[in-house]
Amino acid sequence: MEVYIILAVLYFPYFIWLSLTYIRYNKDGIGDSKRKGKYVGFLLTISSFHFISNILFDLKASYGLMITTLLVLLFSIYMLRVVVKDKKLLAVIEEKI
């Protein structure tokens, strides 16, 4: 359990950076509204899952934690894929100029 806590604490700053990069948060507070919608949907999904698993289905906490972690990791992989694709596209555009 200690290893899980350490990994979660170390992963948290990376997840914040990845989230801000994914929604293209600028200093002006402007971002991509379509991506913001997907991100907010992800957060609502996590929140509703937490409500459903604890209140309605009375799942054990270890199962809920494992499923929540899996959802966060899957969405992180999706965000990373999109960010890498954007960086490659930006590099190609800069190369042409």
PDB file of N, CA and C in Angstrom:
ATOM      1  N   MET A   1       0.819  -1.192   0.000  1.00  0.00           N
ATOM      2  CA  MET A   1       0.000   0.000   0.000  1.00  0.00           C
ATOM      3  C   MET A   1       0.866   1.260   0.000  1.00  0.00           C
ATOM      4  N   GLU A   2       2.021   1.209   0.679  1.00  0.00           N
ATOM      5  CA  GLU A   2       2.905   2.367   0.717  1.00  0.00           C
ATOM      6  C   GLU A   2       3.446   2.695  -0.665  1.00  0.00           C
ATOM      7  N   VAL A   3       3.737   1.666  -1.441  1.00  0.00           N
ATOM      8  CA  VAL A   3       4.233   1.880  -2.794  1.00  0.00           C
ATOM      9  C   VAL A   3       3.173   2.587  -3.640  1.00  0.00           C
ATOM     10  N   TYR A   4       1.925   2.180  -3.490  1.00  0.00           N
ATOM     11  CA  TYR A   4       0.832   2.806  -4.228  1.00  0.00           C
ATOM     12  C   TYR A   4       0.713   4.286  -3.861  1.00  0.00           C
ATOM     13  N   ILE A   5       0.837   4.601  -2.588  1.00  0.00           N
ATOM     14  CA  ILE A   5       0.736   5.989  -2.138  1.00  0.00           C
ATOM     15  C   ILE A   5       1.882   6.817  -2.692  1.00  0.00           C
ATOM     16  N   ILE A   6       3.085   6.285  -2.669  1.00  0.00           N
ATOM     17  CA  ILE A   6       4.241   7.009  -3.206  1.00  0.00           C
ATOM     18  C   ILE A   6       4.073   7.255  -4.696  1.00  0.00           C
ATOM     19  N   LEU A   7       3.653   6.235  -5.434  1.00  0.00           N
ATOM     20  CA  LEU A   7       3.445   6.401  -6.877  1.00  0.00           C
ATOM     21  C   LEU A   7       2.344   7.412  -7.168  1.00  0.00           C
ATOM     22  N   ALA A   8       1.282   7.395  -6.393  1.00  0.00           N
ATOM     23  CA  ALA A   8       0.187   8.347  -6.594  1.00  0.00           C
ATOM     24  C   ALA A   8       0.652   9.768  -6.327  1.00  0.00           C
ATOM     25  N   VAL A   9       1.450   9.969  -5.290  1.00  0.00           N
ATOM     26  CA  VAL A   9       1.960  11.309  -4.968  1.00  0.00           C
ATOM     27  C   VAL A   9       2.904  11.798  -6.062  1.00  0.00           C
ATOM     28  N   LEU A  10       3.731  10.928  -6.586  1.00  0.00           N
ATOM     29  CA  LEU A  10       4.651  11.321  -7.654  1.00  0.00           C
ATOM     30  C   LEU A  10       3.924  11.523  -8.984  1.00  0.00           C
ATOM     31  N   TYR A  11       2.829  10.826  -9.194  1.00  0.00           N
ATOM     32  CA  TYR A  11       2.084  10.931 -10.441  1.00  0.00           C
ATOM     33  C   TYR A  11       1.221  12.189 -10.498  1.00  0.00           C
ATOM     34  N   PHE A  12       0.829  12.710  -9.348  1.00  0.00           N
ATOM     35  CA  PHE A  12      -0.086  13.843  -9.282  1.00  0.00           C
ATOM     36  C   PHE A  12       0.440  15.086 -10.019  1.00  0.00           C
ATOM     37  N   PRO A  13       1.696  15.536  -9.832  1.00  0.00           N
ATOM     38  CA  PRO A  13       2.179  16.704 -10.595  1.00  0.00           C
ATOM     39  C   PRO A  13       2.199  16.450 -12.105  1.00  0.00           C
ATOM     40  N   TYR A  14       2.565  15.238 -12.505  1.00  0.00           N
ATOM     41  CA  TYR A  14       2.562  14.892 -13.929  1.00  0.00           C
ATOM     42  C   TYR A  14       1.149  14.958 -14.489  1.00  0.00           C
ATOM     43  N   PHE A  15       0.182  14.473 -13.740  1.00  0.00           N
ATOM     44  CA  PHE A  15      -1.206  14.498 -14.192  1.00  0.00           C
ATOM     45  C   PHE A  15      -1.699  15.933 -14.341  1.00  0.00           C
ATOM     46  N   ILE A  16      -1.321  16.811 -13.436  1.00  0.00           N
ATOM     47  CA  ILE A  16      -1.711  18.221 -13.544  1.00  0.00           C
ATOM     48  C   ILE A  16      -1.096  18.845 -14.788  1.00  0.00           C
ATOM     49  N   TRP A  17       0.210  18.618 -15.014  1.00  0.00           N
ATOM     50  CA  TRP A  17       0.860  19.160 -16.209  1.00  0.00           C
ATOM     51  C   TRP A  17       0.200  18.606 -17.473  1.00  0.00           C
ATOM     52  N   LEU A  18      -0.064  17.318 -17.493  1.00  0.00           N
ATOM     53  CA  LEU A  18      -0.674  16.692 -18.653  1.00  0.00           C
ATOM     54  C   LEU A  18      -2.074  17.246 -18.892  1.00  0.00           C
ATOM     55  N   SER A  19      -2.831  17.457 -17.844  1.00  0.00           N
ATOM     56  CA  SER A  19      -4.181  18.007 -17.975  1.00  0.00           C
ATOM     57  C   SER A  19      -4.149  19.414 -18.544  1.00  0.00           C
ATOM     58  N   LEU A  20      -3.266  20.258 -18.012  1.00  0.00           N
ATOM     59  CA  LEU A  20      -3.173  21.636 -18.501  1.00  0.00           C
ATOM     60  C   LEU A  20      -2.669  21.696 -19.933  1.00  0.00           C
ATOM     61  N   THR A  21      -1.750  20.818 -20.275  1.00  0.00           N
ATOM     62  CA  THR A  21      -1.255  20.766 -21.648  1.00  0.00           C
ATOM     63  C   THR A  21      -2.335  20.250 -22.585  1.00  0.00           C
ATOM     64  N   TYR A  22      -3.111  19.290 -22.129  1.00  0.00           N
ATOM     65  CA  TYR A  22      -4.175  18.710 -22.951  1.00  0.00           C
ATOM     66  C   TYR A  22      -5.246  19.745 -23.299  1.00  0.00           C
ATOM     67  N   ILE A  23      -5.660  20.531 -22.320  1.00  0.00           N
ATOM     68  CA  ILE A  23      -6.700  21.520 -22.612  1.00  0.00           C
ATOM     69  C   ILE A  23      -6.110  22.812 -23.154  1.00  0.00           C
ATOM     70  N   ARG A  24      -4.780  22.825 -23.340  1.00  0.00           N
ATOM     71  CA  ARG A  24      -4.062  23.983 -23.901  1.00  0.00           C
ATOM     72  C   ARG A  24      -4.306  25.246 -23.087  1.00  0.00           C
ATOM     73  N   TYR A  25      -4.141  25.110 -21.787  1.00  0.00           N
ATOM     74  CA  TYR A  25      -4.331  26.257 -20.909  1.00  0.00           C
ATOM     75  C   TYR A  25      -3.195  27.242 -21.143  1.00  0.00           C
ATOM     76  N   ASN A  26      -3.545  28.481 -21.467  1.00  0.00           N
ATOM     77  CA  ASN A  26      -2.556  29.537 -21.689  1.00  0.00           C
ATOM     78  C   ASN A  26      -2.517  30.478 -20.494  1.00  0.00           C
ATOM     79  N   LYS A  27      -1.598  31.419 -20.542  1.00  0.00           N
ATOM     80  CA  LYS A  27      -1.513  32.415 -19.476  1.00  0.00           C
ATOM     81  C   LYS A  27      -2.765  33.280 -19.447  1.00  0.00           C
ATOM     82  N   ASP A  28      -3.422  33.413 -20.586  1.00  0.00           N
ATOM     83  CA  ASP A  28      -4.637  34.214 -20.668  1.00  0.00           C
ATOM     84  C   ASP A  28      -5.855  33.472 -20.137  1.00  0.00           C
ATOM     85  N   GLY A  29      -5.698  32.205 -19.803  1.00  0.00           N
ATOM     86  CA  GLY A  29      -6.824  31.412 -19.325  1.00  0.00           C
ATOM     87  C   GLY A  29      -7.666  30.863 -20.460  1.00  0.00           C
ATOM     88  N   ILE A  30      -7.136  30.917 -21.675  1.00  0.00           N
ATOM     89  CA  ILE A  30      -7.877  30.454 -22.848  1.00  0.00           C
ATOM     90  C   ILE A  30      -7.438  29.034 -23.168  1.00  0.00           C
ATOM     91  N   GLY A  31      -8.390  28.183 -23.453  1.00  0.00           N
ATOM     92  CA  GLY A  31      -8.081  26.804 -23.799  1.00  0.00           C
ATOM     93  C   GLY A  31      -9.042  26.308 -24.866  1.00  0.00           C
ATOM     94  N   ASP A  32      -8.849  25.085 -25.285  1.00  0.00           N
ATOM     95  CA  ASP A  32      -9.698  24.461 -26.285  1.00  0.00           C
ATOM     96  C   ASP A  32     -10.996  24.013 -25.608  1.00  0.00           C
ATOM     97  N   SER A  33     -12.109  24.583 -26.027  1.00  0.00           N
ATOM     98  CA  SER A  33     -13.378  24.300 -25.344  1.00  0.00           C
ATOM     99  C   SER A  33     -13.840  22.857 -25.553  1.00  0.00           C
ATOM    100  N   LYS A  34     -13.537  22.266 -26.704  1.00  0.00           N
ATOM    101  CA  LYS A  34     -13.928  20.876 -26.948  1.00  0.00           C
ATOM    102  C   LYS A  34     -13.176  19.938 -26.000  1.00  0.00           C
ATOM    103  N   ARG A  35     -11.903  20.197 -25.816  1.00  0.00           N
ATOM    104  CA  ARG A  35     -11.114  19.374 -24.905  1.00  0.00           C
ATOM    105  C   ARG A  35     -11.510  19.630 -23.453  1.00  0.00           C
ATOM    106  N   LYS A  36     -11.849  20.870 -23.145  1.00  0.00           N
ATOM    107  CA  LYS A  36     -12.307  21.157 -21.787  1.00  0.00           C
ATOM    108  C   LYS A  36     -13.576  20.376 -21.486  1.00  0.00           C
ATOM    109  N   GLY A  37     -14.454  20.267 -22.469  1.00  0.00           N
ATOM    110  CA  GLY A  37     -15.686  19.497 -22.286  1.00  0.00           C
ATOM    111  C   GLY A  37     -15.398  18.038 -22.014  1.00  0.00           C
ATOM    112  N   LYS A  38     -14.451  17.462 -22.756  1.00  0.00           N
ATOM    113  CA  LYS A  38     -14.081  16.058 -22.524  1.00  0.00           C
ATOM    114  C   LYS A  38     -13.458  15.883 -21.149  1.00  0.00           C
ATOM    115  N   TYR A  39     -12.629  16.847 -20.749  1.00  0.00           N
ATOM    116  CA  TYR A  39     -11.964  16.753 -19.448  1.00  0.00           C
ATOM    117  C   TYR A  39     -12.971  16.868 -18.309  1.00  0.00           C
ATOM    118  N   VAL A  40     -13.902  17.797 -18.433  1.00  0.00           N
ATOM    119  CA  VAL A  40     -14.935  17.944 -17.414  1.00  0.00           C
ATOM    120  C   VAL A  40     -15.813  16.689 -17.379  1.00  0.00           C
ATOM    121  N   GLY A  41     -16.095  16.112 -18.537  1.00  0.00           N
ATOM    122  CA  GLY A  41     -16.839  14.856 -18.587  1.00  0.00           C
ATOM    123  C   GLY A  41     -16.103  13.737 -17.873  1.00  0.00           C
ATOM    124  N   PHE A  42     -14.784  13.701 -18.044  1.00  0.00           N
ATOM    125  CA  PHE A  42     -13.971  12.702 -17.337  1.00  0.00           C
ATOM    126  C   PHE A  42     -14.069  12.903 -15.830  1.00  0.00           C
ATOM    127  N   LEU A  43     -13.946  14.144 -15.374  1.00  0.00           N
ATOM    128  CA  LEU A  43     -14.035  14.423 -13.939  1.00  0.00           C
ATOM    129  C   LEU A  43     -15.413  14.067 -13.385  1.00  0.00           C
ATOM    130  N   LEU A  44     -16.454  14.357 -14.163  1.00  0.00           N
ATOM    131  CA  LEU A  44     -17.807  14.006 -13.728  1.00  0.00           C
ATOM    132  C   LEU A  44     -17.999  12.489 -13.692  1.00  0.00           C
ATOM    133  N   THR A  45     -17.384  11.785 -14.626  1.00  0.00           N
ATOM    134  CA  THR A  45     -17.453  10.328 -14.642  1.00  0.00           C
ATOM    135  C   THR A  45     -16.813   9.739 -13.395  1.00  0.00           C
ATOM    136  N   ILE A  46     -15.638  10.256 -13.044  1.00  0.00           N
ATOM    137  CA  ILE A  46     -14.952   9.789 -11.840  1.00  0.00           C
ATOM    138  C   ILE A  46     -15.805  10.071 -10.600  1.00  0.00           C
ATOM    139  N   SER A  47     -16.367  11.270 -10.538  1.00  0.00           N
ATOM    140  CA  SER A  47     -17.188  11.639  -9.375  1.00  0.00           C
ATOM    141  C   SER A  47     -18.452  10.791  -9.282  1.00  0.00           C
ATOM    142  N   SER A  48     -19.106  10.591 -10.416  1.00  0.00           N
ATOM    143  CA  SER A  48     -20.330   9.783 -10.391  1.00  0.00           C
ATOM    144  C   SER A  48     -20.014   8.321 -10.084  1.00  0.00           C
ATOM    145  N   PHE A  49     -18.898   7.816 -10.579  1.00  0.00           N
ATOM    146  CA  PHE A  49     -18.504   6.450 -10.245  1.00  0.00           C
ATOM    147  C   PHE A  49     -18.286   6.315  -8.743  1.00  0.00           C
ATOM    148  N   HIS A  50     -17.634   7.310  -8.150  1.00  0.00           N
ATOM    149  CA  HIS A  50     -17.393   7.276  -6.711  1.00  0.00           C
ATOM    150  C   HIS A  50     -18.720   7.239  -5.944  1.00  0.00           C
ATOM    151  N   PHE A  51     -19.669   8.058  -6.371  1.00  0.00           N
ATOM    152  CA  PHE A  51     -20.984   8.081  -5.727  1.00  0.00           C
ATOM    153  C   PHE A  51     -21.693   6.742  -5.891  1.00  0.00           C
ATOM    154  N   ILE A  52     -21.705   6.235  -7.114  1.00  0.00           N
ATOM    155  CA  ILE A  52     -22.417   4.984  -7.398  1.00  0.00           C
ATOM    156  C   ILE A  52     -21.783   3.803  -6.668  1.00  0.00           C
ATOM    157  N   SER A  53     -20.455   3.722  -6.679  1.00  0.00           N
ATOM    158  CA  SER A  53     -19.804   2.567  -6.056  1.00  0.00           C
ATOM    159  C   SER A  53     -19.926   2.590  -4.539  1.00  0.00           C
ATOM    160  N   ASN A  54     -19.884   3.758  -3.936  1.00  0.00           N
ATOM    161  CA  ASN A  54     -19.942   3.818  -2.473  1.00  0.00           C
ATOM    162  C   ASN A  54     -21.368   3.771  -1.935  1.00  0.00           C
ATOM    163  N   ILE A  55     -22.269   4.495  -2.549  1.00  0.00           N
ATOM    164  CA  ILE A  55     -23.618   4.630  -2.001  1.00  0.00           C
ATOM    165  C   ILE A  55     -24.547   3.522  -2.514  1.00  0.00           C
ATOM    166  N   LEU A  56     -24.603   3.361  -3.822  1.00  0.00           N
ATOM    167  CA  LEU A  56     -25.591   2.457  -4.391  1.00  0.00           C
ATOM    168  C   LEU A  56     -25.160   0.992  -4.364  1.00  0.00           C
ATOM    169  N   PHE A  57     -23.915   0.713  -4.772  1.00  0.00           N
ATOM    170  CA  PHE A  57     -23.486  -0.678  -4.877  1.00  0.00           C
ATOM    171  C   PHE A  57     -22.708  -1.170  -3.670  1.00  0.00           C
ATOM    172  N   ASP A  58     -22.257  -0.275  -2.838  1.00  0.00           N
ATOM    173  CA  ASP A  58     -21.519  -0.621  -1.622  1.00  0.00           C
ATOM    174  C   ASP A  58     -20.328  -1.534  -1.945  1.00  0.00           C
ATOM    175  N   LEU A  59     -19.518  -1.116  -2.959  1.00  0.00           N
ATOM    176  CA  LEU A  59     -18.315  -1.864  -3.301  1.00  0.00           C
ATOM    177  C   LEU A  59     -17.260  -1.672  -2.225  1.00  0.00           C
ATOM    178  N   LYS A  60     -16.371  -2.625  -2.108  1.00  0.00           N
ATOM    179  CA  LYS A  60     -15.249  -2.468  -1.189  1.00  0.00           C
ATOM    180  C   LYS A  60     -14.379  -1.311  -1.679  1.00  0.00           C
ATOM    181  N   ALA A  61     -13.745  -0.636  -0.754  1.00  0.00           N
ATOM    182  CA  ALA A  61     -12.929   0.524  -1.096  1.00  0.00           C
ATOM    183  C   ALA A  61     -11.760   0.137  -1.995  1.00  0.00           C
ATOM    184  N   SER A  62     -11.225  -1.054  -1.818  1.00  0.00           N
ATOM    185  CA  SER A  62     -10.085  -1.473  -2.636  1.00  0.00           C
ATOM    186  C   SER A  62     -10.495  -1.655  -4.099  1.00  0.00           C
ATOM    187  N   TYR A  63     -11.695  -2.139  -4.349  1.00  0.00           N
ATOM    188  CA  TYR A  63     -12.165  -2.275  -5.729  1.00  0.00           C
ATOM    189  C   TYR A  63     -12.405  -0.908  -6.356  1.00  0.00           C
ATOM    190  N   GLY A  64     -13.015  -0.014  -5.605  1.00  0.00           N
ATOM    191  CA  GLY A  64     -13.276   1.319  -6.115  1.00  0.00           C
ATOM    192  C   GLY A  64     -11.996   2.063  -6.425  1.00  0.00           C
ATOM    193  N   LEU A  65     -10.991   1.929  -5.555  1.00  0.00           N
ATOM    194  CA  LEU A  65      -9.698   2.574  -5.780  1.00  0.00           C
ATOM    195  C   LEU A  65      -9.027   2.029  -7.023  1.00  0.00           C
ATOM    196  N   MET A  66      -9.098   0.710  -7.202  1.00  0.00           N
ATOM    197  CA  MET A  66      -8.473   0.090  -8.364  1.00  0.00           C
ATOM    198  C   MET A  66      -9.156   0.545  -9.661  1.00  0.00           C
ATOM    199  N   ILE A  67     -10.459   0.601  -9.667  1.00  0.00           N
ATOM    200  CA  ILE A  67     -11.195   1.016 -10.866  1.00  0.00           C
ATOM    201  C   ILE A  67     -10.961   2.496 -11.156  1.00  0.00           C
ATOM    202  N   THR A  68     -10.959   3.325 -10.122  1.00  0.00           N
ATOM    203  CA  THR A  68     -10.696   4.754 -10.306  1.00  0.00           C
ATOM    204  C   THR A  68      -9.295   4.971 -10.847  1.00  0.00           C
ATOM    205  N   THR A  69      -8.325   4.265 -10.312  1.00  0.00           N
ATOM    206  CA  THR A  69      -6.952   4.370 -10.798  1.00  0.00           C
ATOM    207  C   THR A  69      -6.864   3.945 -12.253  1.00  0.00           C
ATOM    208  N   LEU A  70      -7.546   2.883 -12.605  1.00  0.00           N
ATOM    209  CA  LEU A  70      -7.555   2.426 -13.989  1.00  0.00           C
ATOM    210  C   LEU A  70      -8.157   3.469 -14.918  1.00  0.00           C
ATOM    211  N   LEU A  71      -9.256   4.093 -14.510  1.00  0.00           N
ATOM    212  CA  LEU A  71      -9.872   5.145 -15.327  1.00  0.00           C
ATOM    213  C   LEU A  71      -8.933   6.338 -15.502  1.00  0.00           C
ATOM    214  N   VAL A  72      -8.260   6.738 -14.441  1.00  0.00           N
ATOM    215  CA  VAL A  72      -7.322   7.866 -14.517  1.00  0.00           C
ATOM    216  C   VAL A  72      -6.164   7.522 -15.434  1.00  0.00           C
ATOM    217  N   LEU A  73      -5.626   6.333 -15.322  1.00  0.00           N
ATOM    218  CA  LEU A  73      -4.507   5.931 -16.183  1.00  0.00           C
ATOM    219  C   LEU A  73      -4.922   5.837 -17.650  1.00  0.00           C
ATOM    220  N   LEU A  74      -6.098   5.309 -17.918  1.00  0.00           N
ATOM    221  CA  LEU A  74      -6.564   5.228 -19.307  1.00  0.00           C
ATOM    222  C   LEU A  74      -6.775   6.615 -19.905  1.00  0.00           C
ATOM    223  N   PHE A  75      -7.363   7.520 -19.148  1.00  0.00           N
ATOM    224  CA  PHE A  75      -7.556   8.871 -19.658  1.00  0.00           C
ATOM    225  C   PHE A  75      -6.217   9.588 -19.790  1.00  0.00           C
ATOM    226  N   SER A  76      -5.256   9.287 -18.914  1.00  0.00           N
ATOM    227  CA  SER A  76      -3.921   9.883 -19.032  1.00  0.00           C
ATOM    228  C   SER A  76      -3.223   9.422 -20.301  1.00  0.00           C
ATOM    229  N   ILE A  77      -3.387   8.161 -20.631  1.00  0.00           N
ATOM    230  CA  ILE A  77      -2.798   7.652 -21.875  1.00  0.00           C
ATOM    231  C   ILE A  77      -3.430   8.350 -23.078  1.00  0.00           C
ATOM    232  N   TYR A  78      -4.729   8.529 -23.034  1.00  0.00           N
ATOM    233  CA  TYR A  78      -5.416   9.247 -24.112  1.00  0.00           C
ATOM    234  C   TYR A  78      -4.904  10.686 -24.211  1.00  0.00           C
ATOM    235  N   MET A  79      -4.791  11.376 -23.078  1.00  0.00           N
ATOM    236  CA  MET A  79      -4.307  12.759 -23.099  1.00  0.00           C
ATOM    237  C   MET A  79      -2.872  12.826 -23.602  1.00  0.00           C
ATOM    238  N   LEU A  80      -2.025  11.899 -23.173  1.00  0.00           N
ATOM    239  CA  LEU A  80      -0.636  11.881 -23.617  1.00  0.00           C
ATOM    240  C   LEU A  80      -0.552  11.660 -25.112  1.00  0.00           C
ATOM    241  N   ARG A  81      -1.384  10.775 -25.625  1.00  0.00           N
ATOM    242  CA  ARG A  81      -1.392  10.527 -27.069  1.00  0.00           C
ATOM    243  C   ARG A  81      -1.766  11.800 -27.846  1.00  0.00           C
ATOM    244  N   VAL A  82      -2.750  12.529 -27.365  1.00  0.00           N
ATOM    245  CA  VAL A  82      -3.183  13.757 -28.025  1.00  0.00           C
ATOM    246  C   VAL A  82      -2.101  14.829 -27.929  1.00  0.00           C
ATOM    247  N   VAL A  83      -1.460  14.959 -26.768  1.00  0.00           N
ATOM    248  CA  VAL A  83      -0.417  15.969 -26.581  1.00  0.00           C
ATOM    249  C   VAL A  83       0.780  15.672 -27.479  1.00  0.00           C
ATOM    250  N   VAL A  84       1.198  14.420 -27.555  1.00  0.00           N
ATOM    251  CA  VAL A  84       2.326  14.048 -28.426  1.00  0.00           C
ATOM    252  C   VAL A  84       1.979  14.316 -29.884  1.00  0.00           C
ATOM    253  N   LYS A  85       0.759  14.006 -30.272  1.00  0.00           N
ATOM    254  CA  LYS A  85       0.321  14.261 -31.646  1.00  0.00           C
ATOM    255  C   LYS A  85       0.352  15.766 -31.952  1.00  0.00           C
ATOM    256  N   ASP A  86      -0.075  16.596 -30.993  1.00  0.00           N
ATOM    257  CA  ASP A  86      -0.033  18.047 -31.169  1.00  0.00           C
ATOM    258  C   ASP A  86       1.395  18.550 -31.293  1.00  0.00           C
ATOM    259  N   LYS A  87       2.303  18.022 -30.477  1.00  0.00           N
ATOM    260  CA  LYS A  87       3.709  18.439 -30.522  1.00  0.00           C
ATOM    261  C   LYS A  87       4.335  18.066 -31.860  1.00  0.00           C
ATOM    262  N   LYS A  88       4.012  16.868 -32.376  1.00  0.00           N
ATOM    263  CA  LYS A  88       4.542  16.469 -33.675  1.00  0.00           C
ATOM    264  C   LYS A  88       4.004  17.362 -34.775  1.00  0.00           C
ATOM    265  N   LEU A  89       2.722  17.688 -34.720  1.00  0.00           N
ATOM    266  CA  LEU A  89       2.109  18.563 -35.704  1.00  0.00           C
ATOM    267  C   LEU A  89       2.734  19.947 -35.649  1.00  0.00           C
ATOM    268  N   LEU A  90       2.993  20.463 -34.462  1.00  0.00           N
ATOM    269  CA  LEU A  90       3.618  21.764 -34.296  1.00  0.00           C
ATOM    270  C   LEU A  90       5.046  21.750 -34.853  1.00  0.00           C
ATOM    271  N   ALA A  91       5.773  20.654 -34.648  1.00  0.00           N
ATOM    272  CA  ALA A  91       7.133  20.540 -35.168  1.00  0.00           C
ATOM    273  C   ALA A  91       7.130  20.522 -36.687  1.00  0.00           C
ATOM    274  N   VAL A  92       6.155  19.836 -37.296  1.00  0.00           N
ATOM    275  CA  VAL A  92       6.065  19.783 -38.750  1.00  0.00           C
ATOM    276  C   VAL A  92       5.730  21.164 -39.314  1.00  0.00           C
ATOM    277  N   ILE A  93       4.849  21.884 -38.658  1.00  0.00           N
ATOM    278  CA  ILE A  93       4.472  23.223 -39.117  1.00  0.00           C
ATOM    279  C   ILE A  93       5.661  24.177 -39.000  1.00  0.00           C
ATOM    280  N   GLU A  94       6.418  24.107 -37.907  1.00  0.00           N
ATOM    281  CA  GLU A  94       7.572  24.963 -37.740  1.00  0.00           C
ATOM    282  C   GLU A  94       8.656  24.613 -38.747  1.00  0.00           C
ATOM    283  N   GLU A  95       8.774  23.340 -39.110  1.00  0.00           N
ATOM    284  CA  GLU A  95       9.775  22.912 -40.080  1.00  0.00           C
ATOM    285  C   GLU A  95       9.475  23.474 -41.459  1.00  0.00           C
ATOM    286  N   LYS A  96       8.198  23.574 -41.806  1.00  0.00           N
ATOM    287  CA  LYS A  96       7.809  24.098 -43.113  1.00  0.00           C
ATOM    288  C   LYS A  96       8.033  25.586 -43.216  1.00  0.00           C
ATOM    289  N   ILE A  97       8.011  26.259 -42.085  1.00  0.00           N
ATOM    290  CA  ILE A  97       8.194  27.723 -42.105  1.00  0.00           C
ATOM    291  C   ILE A  97       9.634  28.032 -42.175  1.00  0.00           C
TER     292      ILE A  97
END
